[in-house]
Amino acid sequence: MQRVQYFSLTDQVYTALKHDILQRKMLPNEKLDVTGLAQQLGVSRMPVVDALTRLESEGLVEKRNRVGTFVTPMNQTMFRERFETRGMIEDWATPRIIAQASDADFEKIGQLLKEAQTVLQKADQQGFDLLTFNTNYDTGFHQSLIRLADNAYVSELYSAIQTRIGLSFVDMPVKRETSAQRFHEKILAAFQARTVAEAIKTQKDHREESLAFTLQRMKERDIL
């Protein structure tokens, strides 16, 4: 019983640290003090160490020999490579999804898009929780599709890439998510029509638009 509670505590620390990194309360290249974090969170050092190891596997922090643990720095090349890798997975997965997914599978994803649209219609920039929306609906849409390829390892890899891409989404405006929503609807329509070429093209168009917007935001922040 104690072991279960320990891992639960580690999960809570992981969630808290990940939230602060994605919300940029911890900035790229910031050194993370394990003892200080443990004191702030009211836990021992061990759950913090374990949480940082998990975050390292997701690419959100990096350990530098004999120096310490830092929030992973960002640059434009990094995001280009992440979108390229995401594209490779989507191109691989698309024909498999179309060949084996059921109409009911696509209808379930369609319901997710309807929920997302409802949230967006009620959203305003000040009250819009972008991180939660991105996790539940934006990233949730893409991951739901990739899971239909029925390859657990690919799904895990895709999820890790999406987490890394998500570092750029913290201060995106509502209109950016509205644009993404339109792409998601087109992508799903192509899958429902079971047209491989169109599904691949629409996902490519979506990636290119997302990457262009991401790089522009990074340029505005003087991130090269």
Protein backbone atom coordinates (compact mmCIF):
# COMPACT_ATOMS: atom_id res chain seq x y z
CA MET A 1 0.00 0.00 0.00
CA GLN A 2 2.82 2.43 0.82
CA ARG A 3 4.43 1.78 -2.59
CA VAL A 4 1.22 2.69 -4.40
CA GLN A 5 1.01 5.94 -2.43
CA TYR A 6 4.65 6.70 -3.26
CA PHE A 7 4.09 6.42 -6.98
CA SER A 8 0.93 8.47 -6.67
CA LEU A 9 2.99 11.20 -5.03
CA THR A 10 5.56 11.01 -7.82
CA ASP A 11 2.77 11.40 -10.38
CA GLN A 12 1.52 14.51 -8.59
CA VAL A 13 5.01 16.04 -8.56
CA TYR A 14 5.46 15.16 -12.24
CA THR A 15 2.13 16.79 -13.13
CA ALA A 16 2.96 19.95 -11.16
CA LEU A 17 6.40 20.34 -12.71
CA LYS A 18 5.18 19.59 -16.23
CA HIS A 19 2.41 22.17 -15.86
CA ASP A 20 4.90 24.84 -14.74
CA ILE A 21 7.26 24.04 -17.63
CA LEU A 22 4.50 24.15 -20.24
CA GLN A 23 3.14 27.36 -18.73
CA ARG A 24 6.70 28.79 -18.80
CA LYS A 25 6.74 29.39 -15.07
CA MET A 26 10.04 27.55 -15.46
CA LEU A 27 11.93 29.02 -18.39
CA PRO A 28 14.11 27.26 -20.99
CA ASN A 29 17.69 26.80 -19.71
CA GLU A 30 16.57 27.41 -16.12
CA LYS A 31 18.47 25.22 -13.66
CA LEU A 32 16.23 23.08 -11.46
CA ASP A 33 17.19 22.70 -7.81
CA VAL A 34 15.90 19.34 -6.57
CA THR A 35 16.07 20.32 -2.91
CA GLY A 36 14.36 23.65 -3.53
CA LEU A 37 11.60 22.05 -5.59
CA ALA A 38 11.05 19.41 -2.91
CA GLN A 39 10.67 22.13 -0.28
CA GLN A 40 8.25 24.13 -2.44
CA LEU A 41 6.11 21.06 -3.10
CA GLY A 42 6.29 19.77 0.46
CA VAL A 43 7.77 16.39 -0.47
CA SER A 44 11.07 14.55 -0.11
CA ARG A 45 13.74 14.68 -2.82
CA MET A 46 12.99 11.22 -4.24
CA PRO A 47 9.61 11.99 -5.89
CA VAL A 48 11.18 15.09 -7.47
CA VAL A 49 14.13 13.07 -8.81
CA ASP A 50 11.76 10.45 -10.25
CA ALA A 51 9.51 13.13 -11.79
CA LEU A 52 12.50 14.84 -13.41
CA THR A 53 13.63 11.51 -14.87
CA ARG A 54 10.19 11.10 -16.42
CA LEU A 55 10.25 14.65 -17.77
CA GLU A 56 13.70 14.01 -19.22
CA SER A 57 12.33 11.02 -21.15
CA GLU A 58 9.72 13.39 -22.64
CA GLY A 59 12.36 15.94 -23.61
CA LEU A 60 11.11 18.66 -21.27
CA VAL A 61 14.22 18.72 -19.10
CA GLU A 62 17.81 17.70 -19.73
CA LYS A 63 20.55 16.54 -17.38
CA ARG A 64 24.04 17.93 -17.94
CA ASN A 65 26.92 15.95 -16.50
CA ARG A 66 28.32 17.46 -13.31
CA VAL A 67 26.26 20.60 -13.84
CA GLY A 68 22.64 19.76 -13.02
CA THR A 69 19.17 19.47 -14.52
CA PHE A 70 17.78 22.23 -16.73
CA VAL A 71 14.56 23.03 -18.55
CA THR A 72 15.20 22.07 -22.16
CA PRO A 73 16.13 25.10 -24.30
CA MET A 74 14.15 25.83 -27.44
CA ASN A 75 15.16 26.78 -30.96
CA GLN A 76 13.50 26.86 -34.36
CA THR A 77 15.45 23.89 -35.74
CA MET A 78 14.19 21.78 -32.87
CA PHE A 79 10.57 22.48 -33.78
CA ARG A 80 11.14 21.91 -37.49
CA GLU A 81 12.57 18.48 -36.71
CA ARG A 82 9.69 17.65 -34.38
CA PHE A 83 7.09 18.50 -37.00
CA GLU A 84 9.02 16.47 -39.58
CA THR A 85 9.02 13.46 -37.26
CA ARG A 86 5.34 13.91 -36.56
CA GLY A 87 4.73 13.92 -40.32
CA MET A 88 6.63 10.68 -40.80
CA ILE A 89 4.43 8.97 -38.22
CA GLU A 90 1.20 10.39 -39.64
CA ASP A 91 2.13 9.37 -43.20
CA TRP A 92 2.93 5.84 -41.99
CA ALA A 93 -0.19 5.53 -39.86
CA THR A 94 -2.79 6.97 -42.26
CA PRO A 95 -3.22 4.00 -44.65
CA ARG A 96 -3.30 1.60 -41.70
CA ILE A 97 -5.94 3.62 -39.90
CA ILE A 98 -8.12 3.85 -43.00
CA ALA A 99 -7.78 0.11 -43.63
CA GLN A 100 -8.68 -1.08 -40.16
CA ALA A 101 -10.62 1.59 -38.22
CA SER A 102 -14.38 1.31 -38.02
CA ASP A 103 -16.94 3.99 -38.76
CA ALA A 104 -17.73 3.98 -35.04
CA ASP A 105 -14.08 4.81 -34.29
CA PHE A 106 -14.27 7.89 -36.49
CA GLU A 107 -17.65 8.87 -35.04
CA LYS A 108 -16.12 8.84 -31.56
CA ILE A 109 -13.40 11.23 -32.70
CA GLY A 110 -16.09 13.35 -34.34
CA GLN A 111 -17.76 13.68 -30.96
CA LEU A 112 -14.48 14.94 -29.53
CA LEU A 113 -14.39 17.63 -32.24
CA LYS A 114 -17.96 18.66 -31.42
CA GLU A 115 -17.00 19.11 -27.78
CA ALA A 116 -13.97 21.15 -28.82
CA GLN A 117 -16.12 23.38 -31.01
CA THR A 118 -18.48 24.03 -28.10
CA VAL A 119 -15.56 25.06 -25.87
CA LEU A 120 -14.14 27.36 -28.57
CA GLN A 121 -17.49 29.05 -29.15
CA LYS A 122 -17.67 29.96 -25.47
CA ALA A 123 -14.01 30.96 -25.20
CA ASP A 124 -12.51 34.38 -24.85
CA GLN A 125 -8.77 35.01 -24.70
CA GLN A 126 -8.67 36.00 -21.04
CA GLY A 127 -10.67 33.07 -19.75
CA PHE A 128 -9.38 30.45 -22.16
CA ASP A 129 -7.33 27.66 -20.56
CA LEU A 130 -5.17 26.88 -23.59
CA LEU A 131 -3.07 24.19 -21.92
CA THR A 132 -6.12 22.17 -20.89
CA PHE A 133 -7.79 22.67 -24.27
CA ASN A 134 -4.66 21.61 -26.12
CA THR A 135 -4.28 18.48 -24.00
CA ASN A 136 -7.91 17.41 -24.16
CA TYR A 137 -8.89 18.42 -27.68
CA ASP A 138 -6.00 19.48 -29.93
CA THR A 139 -3.40 16.89 -28.96
CA GLY A 140 -6.26 14.61 -27.99
CA PHE A 141 -7.59 14.63 -31.55
CA HIS A 142 -4.28 13.69 -33.13
CA GLN A 143 -3.45 11.02 -30.59
CA SER A 144 -6.91 9.48 -30.90
CA LEU A 145 -6.31 9.07 -34.63
CA ILE A 146 -2.82 7.61 -34.24
CA ARG A 147 -4.04 5.06 -31.69
CA LEU A 148 -6.28 3.65 -34.42
CA ALA A 149 -3.12 2.44 -36.20
CA ASP A 150 -2.96 -0.11 -33.36
CA ASN A 151 0.75 0.14 -32.62
CA ALA A 152 1.44 0.93 -28.97
CA TYR A 153 5.08 1.91 -29.54
CA VAL A 154 4.21 4.33 -32.33
CA SER A 155 1.45 5.85 -30.18
CA GLU A 156 3.92 6.35 -27.33
CA LEU A 157 6.48 7.96 -29.64
CA TYR A 158 3.84 10.21 -31.19
CA SER A 159 2.63 11.28 -27.75
CA ALA A 160 6.18 12.24 -26.74
CA ILE A 161 6.62 14.31 -29.89
CA GLN A 162 3.32 16.07 -29.33
CA THR A 163 4.38 16.91 -25.77
CA ARG A 164 7.56 18.49 -27.11
CA ILE A 165 5.64 20.43 -29.76
CA GLY A 166 3.26 21.59 -27.03
CA LEU A 167 6.02 23.74 -25.54
CA SER A 168 5.19 26.36 -28.18
CA PHE A 169 1.43 26.42 -27.56
CA VAL A 170 1.21 28.17 -24.21
CA ASP A 171 0.35 31.67 -25.41
CA MET A 172 -1.35 30.84 -28.71
CA PRO A 173 -4.47 32.94 -29.31
CA VAL A 174 -7.95 31.45 -29.45
CA LYS A 175 -8.09 32.18 -33.19
CA ARG A 176 -5.13 29.81 -33.67
CA GLU A 177 -7.06 26.96 -32.06
CA THR A 178 -10.10 27.89 -34.16
CA SER A 179 -7.99 27.50 -37.29
CA ALA A 180 -6.66 24.16 -36.04
CA GLN A 181 -10.22 23.05 -35.36
CA ARG A 182 -11.13 23.61 -39.01
CA PHE A 183 -8.16 21.52 -40.09
CA HIS A 184 -9.14 18.76 -37.69
CA GLU A 185 -12.62 18.63 -39.20
CA LYS A 186 -11.17 18.38 -42.71
CA ILE A 187 -8.75 15.66 -41.62
CA LEU A 188 -11.49 13.61 -40.02
CA ALA A 189 -13.69 14.00 -43.11
CA ALA A 190 -10.87 12.60 -45.27
CA PHE A 191 -10.50 9.61 -42.96
CA GLN A 192 -14.24 9.01 -42.94
CA ALA A 193 -14.23 9.11 -46.74
CA ARG A 194 -11.33 6.60 -46.53
CA THR A 195 -9.27 8.59 -49.01
CA VAL A 196 -5.63 7.98 -48.14
CA ALA A 197 -4.13 10.66 -50.40
CA GLU A 198 -6.49 13.36 -49.16
CA ALA A 199 -5.97 12.40 -45.52
CA ILE A 200 -2.19 12.60 -45.92
CA LYS A 201 -2.37 15.92 -47.80
CA THR A 202 -4.72 17.55 -45.29
CA GLN A 203 -2.54 16.52 -42.37
CA LYS A 204 0.51 17.89 -44.20
CA ASP A 205 -1.26 21.22 -44.79
CA HIS A 206 -2.15 21.35 -41.11
CA ARG A 207 1.43 20.66 -40.02
CA GLU A 208 2.83 23.31 -42.34
CA GLU A 209 0.38 25.91 -41.08
CA SER A 210 1.08 24.99 -37.43
CA LEU A 211 4.84 25.07 -37.93
CA ALA A 212 4.71 28.44 -39.71
CA PHE A 213 2.67 29.91 -36.87
CA THR A 214 5.00 28.38 -34.27
CA LEU A 215 8.13 29.74 -35.91
CA GLN A 216 6.57 33.19 -36.21
CA ARG A 217 5.76 33.22 -32.49
CA MET A 218 9.30 32.11 -31.69
CA LYS A 219 10.71 34.85 -33.90
CA GLU A 220 8.59 37.39 -32.03
CA ARG A 221 10.24 36.16 -28.80
CA ASP A 222 13.72 36.32 -30.39
CA ILE A 223 14.07 32.52 -30.27
CA LEU A 224 16.18 31.54 -33.27
